[in-house]
Protein backbone atom coordinates (compact mmCIF):
# COMPACT_ATOMS: atom_id res chain seq x y z
CA MET A 1 10.56 4.31 -12.08
CA LYS A 2 13.14 6.89 -11.28
CA ASN A 3 16.32 6.90 -13.29
CA ASN A 4 18.57 9.62 -12.03
CA SER A 5 22.02 8.74 -10.67
CA LEU A 6 24.90 10.76 -9.26
CA THR A 7 28.49 9.70 -9.79
CA GLN A 8 31.42 10.88 -7.66
CA LYS A 9 35.08 10.02 -8.17
CA GLN A 10 36.68 8.58 -5.04
CA GLY A 11 40.26 7.58 -5.83
CA PRO A 12 40.69 4.31 -7.71
CA LYS A 13 37.00 3.39 -7.34
CA THR A 14 33.86 5.30 -8.23
CA GLN A 15 31.05 5.78 -5.75
CA THR A 16 27.73 5.80 -7.58
CA VAL A 17 24.33 6.61 -6.12
CA PHE A 18 21.18 5.27 -7.81
CA ILE A 19 17.63 6.33 -6.97
CA GLY A 20 14.59 4.04 -6.86
CA SER A 21 11.58 3.29 -4.64
CA GLY A 22 12.51 2.67 -1.02
CA ILE A 23 10.45 -0.23 0.32
CA SER A 24 11.36 -0.51 3.98
CA MET A 25 12.53 1.86 6.67
CA SER A 26 15.83 0.04 7.05
CA THR A 27 19.35 -0.08 5.66
CA ALA A 28 21.75 -2.87 4.74
CA ILE A 29 25.39 -3.19 3.70
CA GLY A 30 26.59 -6.27 1.83
CA LYS A 31 28.18 -7.82 -1.22
CA ALA A 32 26.28 -7.87 -4.51
CA ARG A 33 24.94 -11.12 -5.84
CA VAL A 34 23.75 -10.45 -9.39
CA ILE A 35 20.91 -12.76 -10.45
CA ASN A 36 20.03 -13.41 -14.05
CA SER A 37 16.29 -13.57 -13.50
CA GLY A 38 15.38 -12.95 -17.12
CA LEU A 39 14.54 -15.60 -19.70
CA GLY A 40 16.65 -14.20 -22.49
CA GLN A 41 15.32 -14.00 -26.01
CA VAL A 42 11.85 -15.52 -26.37
CA PRO A 43 11.74 -17.79 -29.47
CA LYS A 44 9.34 -16.73 -32.21
CA TYR A 45 8.35 -18.90 -35.17
CA HIS A 46 5.32 -20.13 -37.10
CA VAL A 47 3.93 -23.63 -36.75
CA SER A 48 2.15 -25.46 -39.53
CA ASP A 49 -1.57 -26.21 -39.41
CA THR A 50 -0.82 -29.86 -38.79
CA ASP A 51 1.46 -28.99 -35.83
CA VAL A 52 -1.02 -26.64 -34.12
CA PRO A 53 -2.63 -29.44 -32.02
CA ASP A 54 0.81 -30.47 -30.72
CA GLU A 55 1.67 -26.84 -29.94
CA LEU A 56 -1.58 -26.40 -28.03
CA LYS A 57 -0.83 -29.58 -26.10
CA ARG A 58 2.69 -28.31 -25.28
CA PHE A 59 1.22 -25.06 -23.99
CA ARG A 60 -1.42 -26.81 -21.87
CA ASN A 61 1.23 -29.11 -20.39
CA ALA A 62 3.27 -26.04 -19.43
CA VAL A 63 0.21 -24.52 -17.74
CA ALA A 64 -0.39 -27.77 -15.84
CA LYS A 65 3.23 -27.79 -14.64
CA ALA A 66 2.91 -24.16 -13.55
CA GLN A 67 -0.20 -25.10 -11.57
CA LYS A 68 1.68 -27.92 -9.82
CA GLN A 69 4.54 -25.54 -9.08
CA ILE A 70 2.16 -23.10 -7.38
CA ALA A 71 0.69 -25.97 -5.34
CA ARG A 72 4.21 -26.91 -4.16
CA LEU A 73 4.92 -23.29 -3.23
CA LYS A 74 1.69 -23.17 -1.17
CA ALA A 75 2.84 -26.27 0.71
CA LYS A 76 6.04 -24.44 1.66
CA THR A 77 4.17 -21.59 3.32
CA SER A 78 3.92 -23.63 6.52
CA SER A 79 7.56 -22.75 7.22
CA LEU A 80 6.86 -18.99 7.07
CA THR A 81 5.55 -16.62 9.72
CA ASP A 82 1.75 -16.34 9.88
CA THR A 83 1.79 -12.84 8.38
CA THR A 84 4.00 -13.74 5.41
CA ALA A 85 2.28 -17.08 4.87
CA GLU A 86 -1.16 -15.48 4.68
CA GLU A 87 -0.03 -12.84 2.18
CA LEU A 88 1.75 -15.44 0.02
CA GLU A 89 -1.25 -17.77 0.04
CA LEU A 90 -3.52 -14.94 -1.13
CA LEU A 91 -1.08 -14.15 -3.92
CA LEU A 92 -0.63 -17.76 -4.99
CA ASP A 93 -4.40 -18.27 -4.98
CA ALA A 94 -4.75 -15.28 -7.31
CA HIS A 95 -2.02 -16.67 -9.59
CA ALA A 96 -3.59 -20.12 -9.56
CA ALA A 97 -6.92 -18.57 -10.60
CA MET A 98 -5.20 -16.96 -13.59
CA LEU A 99 -4.11 -20.44 -14.71
CA VAL A 100 -7.65 -21.78 -15.02
CA SER A 101 -9.70 -20.85 -18.11
CA THR A 102 -8.94 -17.14 -18.01
CA ARG A 103 -9.07 -14.74 -20.93
CA MET A 104 -5.28 -14.68 -20.89
CA LEU A 105 -5.04 -18.44 -21.50
CA LEU A 106 -7.82 -18.37 -24.09
CA GLY A 107 -6.10 -15.48 -25.87
CA ILE A 108 -2.82 -17.40 -26.01
CA GLU A 109 -4.50 -20.49 -27.40
CA LYS A 110 -6.31 -18.34 -29.97
CA ASN A 111 -2.97 -16.89 -31.15
CA ILE A 112 -1.53 -20.38 -31.48
CA ALA A 113 -4.52 -21.75 -33.39
CA GLU A 114 -5.39 -18.77 -35.59
CA LEU A 115 -2.00 -17.07 -36.10
CA ASN A 116 0.02 -20.29 -36.19
CA LEU A 117 2.40 -18.91 -33.58
CA ASN A 118 4.57 -20.97 -31.26
CA ALA A 119 3.38 -20.97 -27.63
CA GLU A 120 6.16 -18.69 -26.32
CA ALA A 121 5.49 -15.99 -28.89
CA ALA A 122 1.71 -16.27 -28.46
CA LEU A 123 2.09 -15.87 -24.69
CA GLU A 124 4.40 -12.86 -24.96
CA ILE A 125 1.94 -11.01 -27.24
CA VAL A 126 -1.04 -11.54 -24.91
CA VAL A 127 0.86 -10.60 -21.73
CA GLU A 128 2.15 -7.41 -23.36
CA GLU A 129 -1.37 -6.48 -24.55
CA ILE A 130 -2.82 -6.94 -21.06
CA ALA A 131 0.05 -5.01 -19.48
CA ARG A 132 -0.42 -2.07 -21.86
CA GLY A 133 -4.11 -1.96 -21.00
CA PHE A 134 -3.40 -1.87 -17.27
CA GLU A 135 -0.70 0.76 -17.61
CA LYS A 136 -3.13 3.19 -19.26
CA VAL A 137 -5.14 3.34 -16.03
CA LYS A 138 -4.00 6.11 -13.67
CA ASP A 139 -4.21 4.00 -10.55
CA ALA A 140 -1.17 3.01 -8.49
CA TYR A 141 -2.72 -0.24 -7.27
CA LEU A 142 -3.78 -1.41 -10.74
CA ALA A 143 -0.42 -0.42 -12.21
CA ALA A 144 1.21 -2.67 -9.61
CA ARG A 145 -1.10 -5.56 -10.60
CA VAL A 146 0.58 -5.64 -14.01
CA GLN A 147 3.38 -7.50 -12.27
CA ASP A 148 0.98 -10.30 -11.30
CA ILE A 149 0.12 -10.85 -14.97
CA LYS A 150 3.81 -10.84 -15.89
CA ASP A 151 4.67 -13.25 -13.06
CA VAL A 152 2.08 -15.78 -14.23
CA GLY A 153 3.23 -15.40 -17.82
CA SER A 154 6.85 -15.85 -16.77
CA ARG A 155 5.96 -18.99 -14.82
CA ILE A 156 4.38 -20.58 -17.90
CA LEU A 157 7.23 -19.34 -20.11
CA ARG A 158 9.83 -20.99 -17.86
CA GLN A 159 8.03 -24.29 -18.24
CA LEU A 160 7.90 -23.91 -22.03
CA MET A 161 11.59 -22.98 -22.24
CA LYS A 162 12.66 -25.41 -19.49
CA THR A 163 14.43 -22.61 -17.61
CA PRO A 164 14.93 -23.31 -13.86
CA TYR A 165 14.41 -20.81 -11.05
CA GLN A 166 17.29 -19.44 -9.02
CA ILE A 167 17.94 -21.34 -5.78
CA TYR A 168 18.42 -18.58 -3.23
CA SER A 169 19.31 -20.95 -0.39
CA LYS A 170 22.77 -21.42 -1.90
CA ILE A 171 23.60 -17.71 -1.97
CA PRO A 172 26.28 -16.61 0.56
CA LYS A 173 24.95 -15.18 3.82
CA GLY A 174 24.76 -11.38 3.92
CA SER A 175 24.37 -11.00 0.15
CA ILE A 176 22.50 -8.16 -1.54
CA ILE A 177 20.36 -9.66 -4.32
CA VAL A 178 20.45 -7.59 -7.53
CA ALA A 179 18.05 -8.64 -10.29
CA GLN A 180 15.99 -7.29 -13.14
CA GLU A 181 12.87 -8.38 -11.25
CA LEU A 182 11.88 -10.79 -8.49
CA SER A 183 8.60 -12.61 -8.20
CA PRO A 184 6.71 -12.22 -4.91
CA ALA A 185 6.93 -15.99 -4.38
CA ASP A 186 10.73 -15.90 -4.77
CA THR A 187 10.89 -13.02 -2.29
CA ALA A 188 8.61 -14.68 0.26
CA LEU A 189 10.72 -17.84 0.31
CA MET A 190 13.97 -15.97 0.95
CA ASP A 191 15.59 -16.32 4.35
CA PRO A 192 15.89 -12.82 5.88
CA GLY A 193 18.66 -14.21 8.09
CA SER A 194 20.74 -14.85 4.97
CA ILE A 195 19.63 -12.22 2.45
CA ALA A 196 20.76 -8.76 3.60
CA GLY A 197 18.86 -6.73 0.99
CA LEU A 198 17.15 -6.59 -2.40
CA ILE A 199 17.58 -4.37 -5.47
CA THR A 200 15.61 -4.70 -8.71
CA GLU A 201 15.39 -2.77 -11.94
CA GLN A 202 11.63 -3.27 -12.12
CA GLY A 203 8.84 -3.01 -9.56
CA GLY A 204 7.53 -0.37 -7.19
CA SER A 205 6.28 0.29 -3.68
CA ASP A 206 2.71 -0.97 -4.32
CA GLY A 207 3.52 -4.38 -5.80
CA HIS A 208 3.40 -7.79 -4.13
CA THR A 209 7.20 -8.09 -4.17
CA ALA A 210 7.38 -4.89 -2.12
CA ILE A 211 4.72 -6.21 0.29
CA MET A 212 6.72 -9.43 0.77
CA ALA A 213 9.97 -7.55 1.36
CA ARG A 214 8.29 -5.36 3.99
CA SER A 215 6.68 -8.37 5.62
CA LEU A 216 10.07 -10.07 5.95
CA ASN A 217 11.77 -6.81 7.02
CA ILE A 218 14.30 -7.11 4.20
CA PRO A 219 15.77 -3.71 3.19
CA ALA A 220 14.89 -3.15 -0.46
CA VAL A 221 14.99 -0.56 -3.23
CA LEU A 222 12.95 -1.40 -6.34
CA GLY A 223 12.63 0.22 -9.75
CA VAL A 224 16.31 1.22 -10.05
CA THR A 225 16.75 1.72 -13.79
CA LYS A 226 19.77 0.15 -15.54
CA ILE A 227 21.58 -0.73 -12.31
CA LEU A 228 22.48 -4.25 -13.53
CA SER A 229 24.89 -2.80 -16.06
CA LYS A 230 26.70 -0.93 -13.27
CA ILE A 231 27.12 -3.74 -10.73
CA SER A 232 29.30 -6.86 -10.63
CA ASP A 233 29.23 -9.83 -8.27
CA GLY A 234 31.10 -8.99 -5.09
CA ASP A 235 30.71 -5.20 -5.27
CA THR A 236 30.05 -3.57 -1.91
CA ILE A 237 26.55 -2.07 -1.88
CA ILE A 238 24.51 0.01 0.55
CA VAL A 239 20.74 -0.43 0.33
CA ASP A 240 19.13 2.69 1.81
CA GLY A 241 15.47 1.68 2.11
CA ASP A 242 14.65 4.89 4.00
CA ASN A 243 15.46 7.19 1.10
CA GLY A 244 15.23 4.83 -1.90
CA ARG A 245 18.97 4.98 -2.62
CA VAL A 246 21.49 2.37 -3.72
CA ILE A 247 25.15 3.27 -3.20
CA VAL A 248 27.58 1.14 -5.20
CA SER A 249 31.27 0.97 -4.16
CA PRO A 250 30.86 3.47 -1.31
CA ASP A 251 33.96 5.38 -0.19
CA HIS A 252 35.35 4.92 3.32
CA ASP A 253 33.53 7.90 4.83
CA THR A 254 30.15 6.90 3.35
CA LEU A 255 30.59 3.31 4.50
CA GLU A 256 31.42 4.37 8.06
CA GLU A 257 28.51 6.83 8.08
CA PHE A 258 26.01 4.10 7.19
CA LYS A 259 27.53 1.66 9.68
CA ARG A 260 26.88 4.27 12.36
CA LYS A 261 23.32 4.78 11.06
CA ILE A 262 22.60 1.04 11.18
CA GLU A 263 23.87 0.80 14.75
CA ALA A 264 21.90 3.93 15.73
CA ARG A 265 18.75 2.38 14.18
CA ARG A 266 19.26 -0.77 16.25
CA ARG A 267 19.54 1.29 19.43
CA LEU A 268 16.49 3.36 18.47
CA ASN A 269 14.42 0.25 17.76
CA ARG A 270 15.26 -1.10 21.20
CA GLN A 271 14.16 2.21 22.74
CA LEU A 272 10.97 2.36 20.69
CA THR A 273 10.03 -1.17 21.65
CA ARG A 274 9.94 -0.06 25.28
CA LEU A 275 7.41 2.67 24.33
CA ARG A 276 4.86 0.17 23.03
CA SER A 277 2.83 -0.02 26.23
CA LEU A 278 3.19 3.66 27.16
CA PRO A 279 0.59 6.30 26.23
CA ALA A 280 1.29 9.10 23.73
CA VAL A 281 1.04 11.87 26.29
CA THR A 282 2.80 15.23 26.06
CA GLN A 283 5.01 16.50 28.85
CA ASP A 284 2.15 18.70 30.08
CA GLY A 285 -0.33 15.83 30.19
CA VAL A 286 -2.24 16.04 26.89
CA LEU A 287 -3.18 12.55 25.66
CA VAL A 288 -3.12 11.76 21.93
CA GLY A 289 -4.85 8.67 20.55
CA MET A 290 -2.56 6.50 18.40
CA GLN A 291 -4.19 4.18 15.88
CA ALA A 292 -3.06 2.22 12.84
CA ASN A 293 -3.99 2.26 9.16
CA ILE A 294 -4.27 -1.27 7.76
CA GLU A 295 -5.29 -2.93 4.50
CA LEU A 296 -5.23 -6.66 5.20
CA ALA A 297 -6.12 -8.97 8.06
CA ARG A 298 -2.45 -9.87 8.28
CA ASP A 299 -1.66 -6.26 9.32
CA VAL A 300 -3.47 -6.61 12.67
CA GLU A 301 -0.61 -8.46 14.34
CA GLU A 302 1.88 -5.75 13.41
CA ALA A 303 -0.49 -2.99 14.58
CA ILE A 304 -0.94 -4.57 18.00
CA HIS A 305 2.80 -5.21 18.32
CA ALA A 306 3.48 -1.53 17.54
CA GLY A 307 1.15 -0.44 20.34
CA ALA A 308 -1.86 0.71 18.29
CA GLU A 309 -4.86 1.56 20.45
CA GLY A 310 -7.18 0.68 17.58
CA ILE A 311 -7.55 0.70 13.81
CA GLY A 312 -8.13 4.27 12.66
CA LEU A 313 -8.51 3.31 9.00
CA LEU A 314 -9.31 -0.14 7.62
CA ARG A 315 -9.20 0.08 3.84
CA THR A 316 -11.72 -2.42 2.46
CA GLU A 317 -10.72 -2.18 -1.22
CA PHE A 318 -8.45 -5.22 -0.94
CA MET A 319 -11.54 -7.45 -0.73
CA PHE A 320 -12.69 -6.27 -4.18
CA LEU A 321 -9.41 -6.24 -6.13
CA ASN A 322 -7.79 -9.07 -8.09
CA ARG A 323 -11.22 -10.70 -8.46
CA SER A 324 -13.43 -11.48 -11.42
CA SER A 325 -16.54 -10.72 -9.33
CA ALA A 326 -17.37 -8.71 -6.23
CA PRO A 327 -17.05 -10.46 -2.84
CA THR A 328 -20.23 -11.81 -1.29
CA GLU A 329 -21.70 -10.53 1.96
CA GLU A 330 -20.43 -13.66 3.70
CA ASP A 331 -16.89 -13.20 2.30
CA GLN A 332 -16.76 -9.66 3.65
CA TYR A 333 -18.36 -10.57 6.96
CA GLN A 334 -15.84 -13.33 7.66
CA THR A 335 -12.88 -11.06 6.84
CA LEU A 336 -14.17 -8.21 9.00
CA LYS A 337 -15.06 -10.61 11.83
CA THR A 338 -11.47 -11.90 11.85
CA ILE A 339 -9.99 -8.40 12.04
CA ILE A 340 -12.42 -7.14 14.70
CA THR A 341 -11.99 -10.27 16.82
CA GLU A 342 -8.20 -10.11 16.66
CA MET A 343 -8.30 -6.49 17.83
CA SER A 344 -9.74 -7.82 21.12
CA GLY A 345 -12.06 -4.94 21.92
CA ARG A 346 -9.93 -2.17 20.45
CA PRO A 347 -11.98 0.07 18.12
CA VAL A 348 -11.90 -0.55 14.37
CA THR A 349 -12.83 2.18 11.89
CA ILE A 350 -13.99 0.55 8.65
CA ARG A 351 -13.86 2.75 5.58
CA THR A 352 -16.37 1.74 2.93
CA PHE A 353 -14.84 0.86 -0.42
CA ASP A 354 -12.87 3.64 -2.10
CA LEU A 355 -13.04 2.18 -5.60
CA SER A 356 -13.45 3.79 -9.00
CA THR A 357 -15.12 2.49 -12.13
CA ASP A 358 -11.67 1.46 -13.35
CA ASN A 359 -11.01 -1.06 -10.57
CA LEU A 360 -14.51 -2.20 -9.68
CA PRO A 361 -15.03 -5.91 -10.49
CA GLN A 362 -17.36 -6.17 -13.49
CA SER A 363 -20.21 -8.68 -13.71
CA LYS A 364 -23.66 -9.00 -15.21
CA ASN A 365 -25.01 -7.10 -12.18
CA ILE A 366 -22.28 -4.45 -12.19
CA ARG A 367 -21.80 -2.48 -15.37
CA THR A 368 -20.08 0.89 -15.22
CA LYS A 369 -18.51 3.15 -17.79
CA LYS A 370 -14.84 3.81 -17.13
CA SER A 371 -13.97 7.40 -16.24
CA SER A 372 -11.60 9.42 -18.40
CA ASN A 373 -10.08 10.66 -15.13
CA PRO A 374 -10.75 8.20 -12.25
CA LEU A 375 -9.52 10.69 -9.63
CA LEU A 376 -12.28 13.10 -10.59
CA GLY A 377 -14.88 10.60 -11.70
CA LEU A 378 -17.26 8.06 -10.20
CA ARG A 379 -15.35 6.84 -7.15
CA ALA A 380 -15.64 6.26 -3.39
CA VAL A 381 -18.99 7.33 -1.88
CA ARG A 382 -20.19 8.56 -5.28
CA LEU A 383 -19.81 5.04 -6.66
CA SER A 384 -21.39 3.53 -3.54
CA LEU A 385 -24.53 5.61 -4.04
CA ARG A 386 -24.64 4.72 -7.75
CA GLN A 387 -24.08 0.99 -7.10
CA GLN A 388 -26.42 0.74 -4.13
CA ARG A 389 -26.86 -3.05 -4.24
CA LEU A 390 -23.10 -3.51 -3.95
CA PHE A 391 -22.99 -0.90 -1.19
CA GLU A 392 -25.83 -2.55 0.74
CA ILE A 393 -23.98 -5.86 0.67
CA GLN A 394 -20.93 -4.22 2.24
CA LEU A 395 -22.95 -2.35 4.86
CA SER A 396 -24.76 -5.56 5.72
CA ALA A 397 -21.43 -7.35 6.26
CA ILE A 398 -20.19 -4.45 8.41
CA LEU A 399 -23.31 -4.37 10.60
CA ARG A 400 -23.19 -8.14 11.10
CA ALA A 401 -19.51 -7.93 12.05
CA SER A 402 -20.20 -5.12 14.52
CA ILE A 403 -21.45 -7.61 17.12
CA HIS A 404 -17.86 -8.87 17.52
CA GLY A 405 -16.37 -5.61 18.77
CA GLU A 406 -16.36 -1.83 18.69
CA ILE A 407 -16.50 -0.42 15.16
CA ARG A 408 -17.09 2.84 13.31
CA ILE A 409 -18.07 3.33 9.65
CA LEU A 410 -16.16 5.89 7.60
CA LEU A 411 -17.30 7.29 4.22
CA PRO A 412 -14.55 8.22 1.74
CA MET A 413 -14.45 11.36 -0.41
CA VAL A 414 -17.58 13.00 0.98
CA SER A 415 -18.29 16.34 -0.71
CA SER A 416 -21.87 17.16 0.37
CA ILE A 417 -24.32 16.63 3.21
CA HIS A 418 -26.72 15.08 0.68
CA GLN A 419 -24.34 12.13 0.24
CA VAL A 420 -24.24 11.54 3.99
CA ARG A 421 -28.02 11.70 4.30
CA GLU A 422 -28.46 9.20 1.48
CA VAL A 423 -26.01 6.81 3.13
CA LYS A 424 -27.89 7.08 6.42
CA LYS A 425 -31.13 6.12 4.65
CA ILE A 426 -29.47 3.07 3.12
CA LEU A 427 -27.91 2.16 6.46
CA ARG A 428 -31.32 2.25 8.18
CA ARG A 429 -32.81 0.09 5.43
CA VAL A 430 -30.03 -2.50 5.70
CA ARG A 431 -30.26 -2.58 9.51
CA SER A 432 -34.04 -3.13 9.35
CA ARG A 433 -33.63 -6.02 6.94
CA LEU A 434 -30.96 -7.68 9.10
CA GLN A 435 -33.16 -7.36 12.18
CA LYS A 436 -36.04 -9.07 10.38
CA GLN A 437 -33.63 -11.86 9.37
CA ASP A 438 -32.40 -12.14 13.00
CA LYS A 439 -28.82 -11.50 11.88
CA ILE A 440 -28.42 -8.61 14.32
CA ALA A 441 -30.30 -8.19 17.59
CA THR A 442 -29.69 -4.55 18.46
CA ASP A 443 -30.99 -1.19 17.37
CA LYS A 444 -27.55 0.32 17.94
CA VAL A 445 -25.93 1.67 14.77
CA PRO A 446 -22.14 2.09 14.68
CA PRO A 447 -20.91 5.71 14.65
CA LEU A 448 -20.80 7.12 11.11
CA GLY A 449 -17.98 9.40 9.98
CA ALA A 450 -16.93 11.34 6.90
CA MET A 451 -13.49 11.68 5.37
CA ILE A 452 -12.48 15.23 4.53
CA GLU A 453 -10.40 14.79 1.38
CA VAL A 454 -11.63 17.50 -1.00
CA PRO A 455 -11.50 21.27 -0.44
CA GLY A 456 -15.26 21.59 -0.84
CA ALA A 457 -15.86 19.24 2.08
CA ALA A 458 -13.42 21.14 4.30
CA LEU A 459 -15.14 24.44 3.53
CA ILE A 460 -18.54 23.07 4.61
CA ALA A 461 -17.17 20.97 7.49
CA ASP A 462 -19.53 22.79 9.90
CA SER A 463 -22.51 21.38 7.96
CA ILE A 464 -21.09 17.90 7.44
CA ILE A 465 -20.21 17.45 11.12
CA GLN A 466 -23.88 17.97 11.98
CA GLU A 467 -24.75 14.86 9.97
CA VAL A 468 -22.03 12.52 11.27
CA ASP A 469 -20.47 11.37 14.53
CA PHE A 470 -16.83 12.05 13.66
CA LEU A 471 -14.47 13.32 10.94
CA ALA A 472 -11.21 11.96 9.54
CA ILE A 473 -8.92 14.20 7.50
CA GLY A 474 -7.21 12.37 4.63
CA THR A 475 -4.30 14.72 4.00
CA ASN A 476 -2.95 12.82 0.99
CA ASP A 477 -6.00 13.40 -1.21
CA LEU A 478 -6.74 16.78 0.39
CA THR A 479 -3.30 17.98 -0.70
CA MET A 480 -3.70 16.48 -4.18
CA TYR A 481 -7.11 18.05 -4.83
CA THR A 482 -6.18 21.40 -3.27
CA LEU A 483 -2.99 21.81 -5.30
CA ALA A 484 -4.18 19.95 -8.43
CA ILE A 485 -1.12 17.67 -8.28
CA ASP A 486 -0.93 13.96 -9.04
CA ARG A 487 2.01 12.83 -6.94
CA GLU A 488 2.36 9.72 -9.12
CA ASP A 489 3.31 12.06 -11.99
CA GLU A 490 7.07 12.55 -11.69
CA GLN A 491 6.87 15.81 -13.64
CA VAL A 492 4.95 17.53 -10.81
CA SER A 493 5.38 15.25 -7.79
CA ASN A 494 8.00 17.61 -6.34
CA LEU A 495 5.24 20.23 -5.97
CA PHE A 496 3.16 17.96 -3.72
CA ASN A 497 3.43 19.61 -0.30
CA PRO A 498 1.03 19.10 2.63
CA LEU A 499 2.66 22.16 4.26
CA HIS A 500 1.25 24.43 1.60
CA PRO A 501 -0.61 27.26 3.41
CA ALA A 502 -3.85 26.47 1.55
CA VAL A 503 -3.79 22.85 2.76
CA LEU A 504 -3.06 23.91 6.34
CA GLN A 505 -5.93 26.40 6.26
CA LEU A 506 -8.34 23.66 5.15
CA ILE A 507 -7.10 21.34 7.89
CA GLN A 508 -7.62 24.12 10.45
CA ILE A 509 -11.16 24.86 9.21
CA THR A 510 -12.04 21.17 9.60
CA LEU A 511 -10.50 20.89 13.06
CA GLN A 512 -12.37 23.99 14.26
CA ALA A 513 -15.69 22.64 12.96
CA ALA A 514 -15.21 19.37 14.84
CA HIS A 515 -14.12 21.14 18.04
CA ARG A 516 -17.14 23.45 17.95
CA SER A 517 -19.41 20.42 17.70
CA LYS A 518 -17.41 18.58 20.38
CA LYS A 519 -17.02 15.59 18.05
CA PRO A 520 -13.87 13.55 17.38
CA VAL A 521 -11.59 14.33 14.43
CA SER A 522 -8.46 12.46 13.36
CA ILE A 523 -5.66 12.80 10.84
CA CYS A 524 -5.05 9.63 8.82
CA GLY A 525 -2.87 10.83 5.94
CA GLU A 526 0.88 10.36 5.62
CA ILE A 527 1.69 13.47 7.69
CA ALA A 528 0.20 11.68 10.73
CA GLY A 529 3.02 9.13 10.53
CA ASP A 530 5.88 11.61 10.14
CA PRO A 531 7.39 12.69 13.51
CA ARG A 532 8.40 16.05 11.98
CA PHE A 533 4.72 17.03 11.67
CA ALA A 534 3.75 16.02 15.21
CA PRO A 535 4.40 19.47 16.81
CA LEU A 536 2.32 21.19 14.11
CA LEU A 537 -0.60 18.77 14.37
CA ILE A 538 -0.65 18.78 18.17
CA GLY A 539 -0.38 22.58 18.10
CA LEU A 540 -3.39 22.77 15.77
CA GLY A 541 -5.43 20.76 18.25
CA VAL A 542 -5.27 17.25 16.74
CA ARG A 543 -5.79 14.64 19.46
CA GLU A 544 -6.17 11.51 17.34
CA LEU A 545 -3.68 10.21 14.77
CA SER A 546 -3.80 7.13 12.55
CA MET A 547 -0.80 5.89 10.55
CA THR A 548 1.05 2.84 9.27
CA SER A 549 2.07 0.61 12.17
CA GLN A 550 5.80 0.97 11.66
CA ASN A 551 5.57 4.73 12.26
CA LEU A 552 3.65 4.54 15.54
CA PRO A 553 6.62 4.25 17.92
CA ARG A 554 8.58 7.12 16.37
CA VAL A 555 5.60 9.50 16.38
CA LYS A 556 4.77 8.50 19.95
CA GLN A 557 8.35 9.24 20.99
CA ARG A 558 8.11 12.75 19.49
CA ILE A 559 4.75 13.45 21.14
CA ARG A 560 6.09 12.43 24.56
CA ALA A 561 8.88 15.01 24.13
CA LEU A 562 6.46 17.87 23.35
CA LYS A 563 4.76 20.56 25.38
CA THR A 564 1.48 21.73 23.88
CA GLY A 565 1.95 25.41 24.77
CA PRO A 566 5.06 26.00 22.62
CA ALA A 567 3.66 23.68 19.90
CA THR A 568 0.41 25.71 19.77
CA ARG A 569 2.24 29.04 19.53
CA ARG A 570 4.41 27.71 16.69
CA ALA A 571 1.36 26.26 14.89
CA MET A 572 -0.41 29.64 15.05
CA ALA A 573 2.70 31.36 13.67
CA ILE A 574 2.80 28.83 10.84
CA LEU A 575 -0.87 29.47 9.98
CA ASP A 576 -0.04 33.16 9.51
CA GLN A 577 2.42 32.34 6.71
CA THR A 578 1.68 32.55 2.98
CA ASP A 579 5.04 31.16 1.84
CA GLU A 580 5.38 27.37 2.05
CA ASP A 581 9.18 27.63 2.34
CA GLN A 582 8.77 29.81 5.41
CA VAL A 583 6.31 27.28 6.84
CA GLN A 584 8.95 24.57 6.42
CA ARG A 585 11.63 26.73 8.07
CA LEU A 586 9.43 27.51 11.07
CA LEU A 587 8.63 23.83 11.56
CA ASP A 588 12.25 22.74 11.10
CA ASP A 589 13.47 25.37 13.58
CA PHE A 590 10.96 24.14 16.16
CA ASN A 591 11.99 20.51 15.65
CA ASP A 592 15.67 21.36 15.89
CA GLY A 593 15.01 23.08 19.19
CA ILE A 594 13.33 20.08 20.82
């Protein structure tokens, strides 16, 4: 969480700007509605040996009530949009699973029985222990899952303390909700027609609350430290989801500026909607493929609505996370079949699981030693080749699903041609077995591609491209590994720069290797979804981009305003630079001139 704020005196009132994690590319202005979402002081006391059975019974009754509450929430999902309902059901199913004979519940009961603690205190100790364990893992997704544990604990705690939930339906229309934290279920059941925006002190961009806010298109900024102490009910607030800012008591000029921005965004959205069915073609006739990055089946609808020509990156990790065991072949097949079918013939690029030993579901058949540094340890294709049974199950599901549409298979974090060759052997073995079982009836194997995410892979791209059918450049990890910067580390995140000359040189080496082999290459990192980078990427020769769905229309609009000749000349000038600041200036000057 970021905690810097800037205060400016503006006459009788003070305009204050707080910084957090922007969740949606939207802005809202409204009146603050401060919610006391906390439970206050948790009671702590010892119970006698004779009272332990009653305390255990009280705890189990609270768990049973929490289970019924989740069941009631699931029943309410019928009133939500399909996308939001599906995401909420997945979340509630995960929470319901935590309320049935899990280690968390057993640990709480053990504390009650052996330490003679009251149920509330026993629960708080176990939840904090689990949270500390998760927070030690350097993984953004797992760090966000801490909130799931806390949400389940809070749900039981409310039953024990008989504390009701806030009824958001009674909040005045146009309010900005300000709270210490919001559960994903609370967020999902909010009416976006009534709630103008959300601000919380806790949470981040990878959590379920953030996913719900994005799904409902509610402007939100999460993880704004100590903002509750600075806001009162009725204060005018601007929620700047674009830049992760919260402006409290804005002055007249700031207020008018954001009103103009909101109106300009409405006009832009109307314009971008009209682009949905148009191709991303430059003014001199160069066509650029526009595809979407997705994580869940629910994302398909948004991708199609945004005009995606296909799925350029389907992350399959979601099928493995928040589970006590790995998904079966049938589980994976059914999920992939749904996505491929809904894409109605549009191509789907399925990336095999990019997991590490720290987030791989453990079972009697899967035992791995956790890495001291997951980013540099046993992850992605390295883990797939080490856990070949698990990998074969996924490949089998992918090959079976391939009969339902056009797919490609993409290998993450490739660093050698040996890895690709080993995968091809496994793929042939899996295909042969499926043919003998009559689960597939064709000799055709989907195109196989490699992600270029580490400098070593970029430098031998000419060799790798000979072993695969296409390449995809993951600029996020390529930048991280090239510059040795963890962008989740606030102490160095400001140094993370995909415009660094070294990163651009590696991208160019990869593009040239693919062009020499006359094989497709795409960019699927964050720079693909930023319109400012479009002239540089098109100038470098990129003809296929994949990005989050919400960015597709804006990037398409920029591409349609470009001419490749000037973009190519500027890209070549940028490649000659050794100073990243000069690279930025050259790109900004070109964009300003469009």
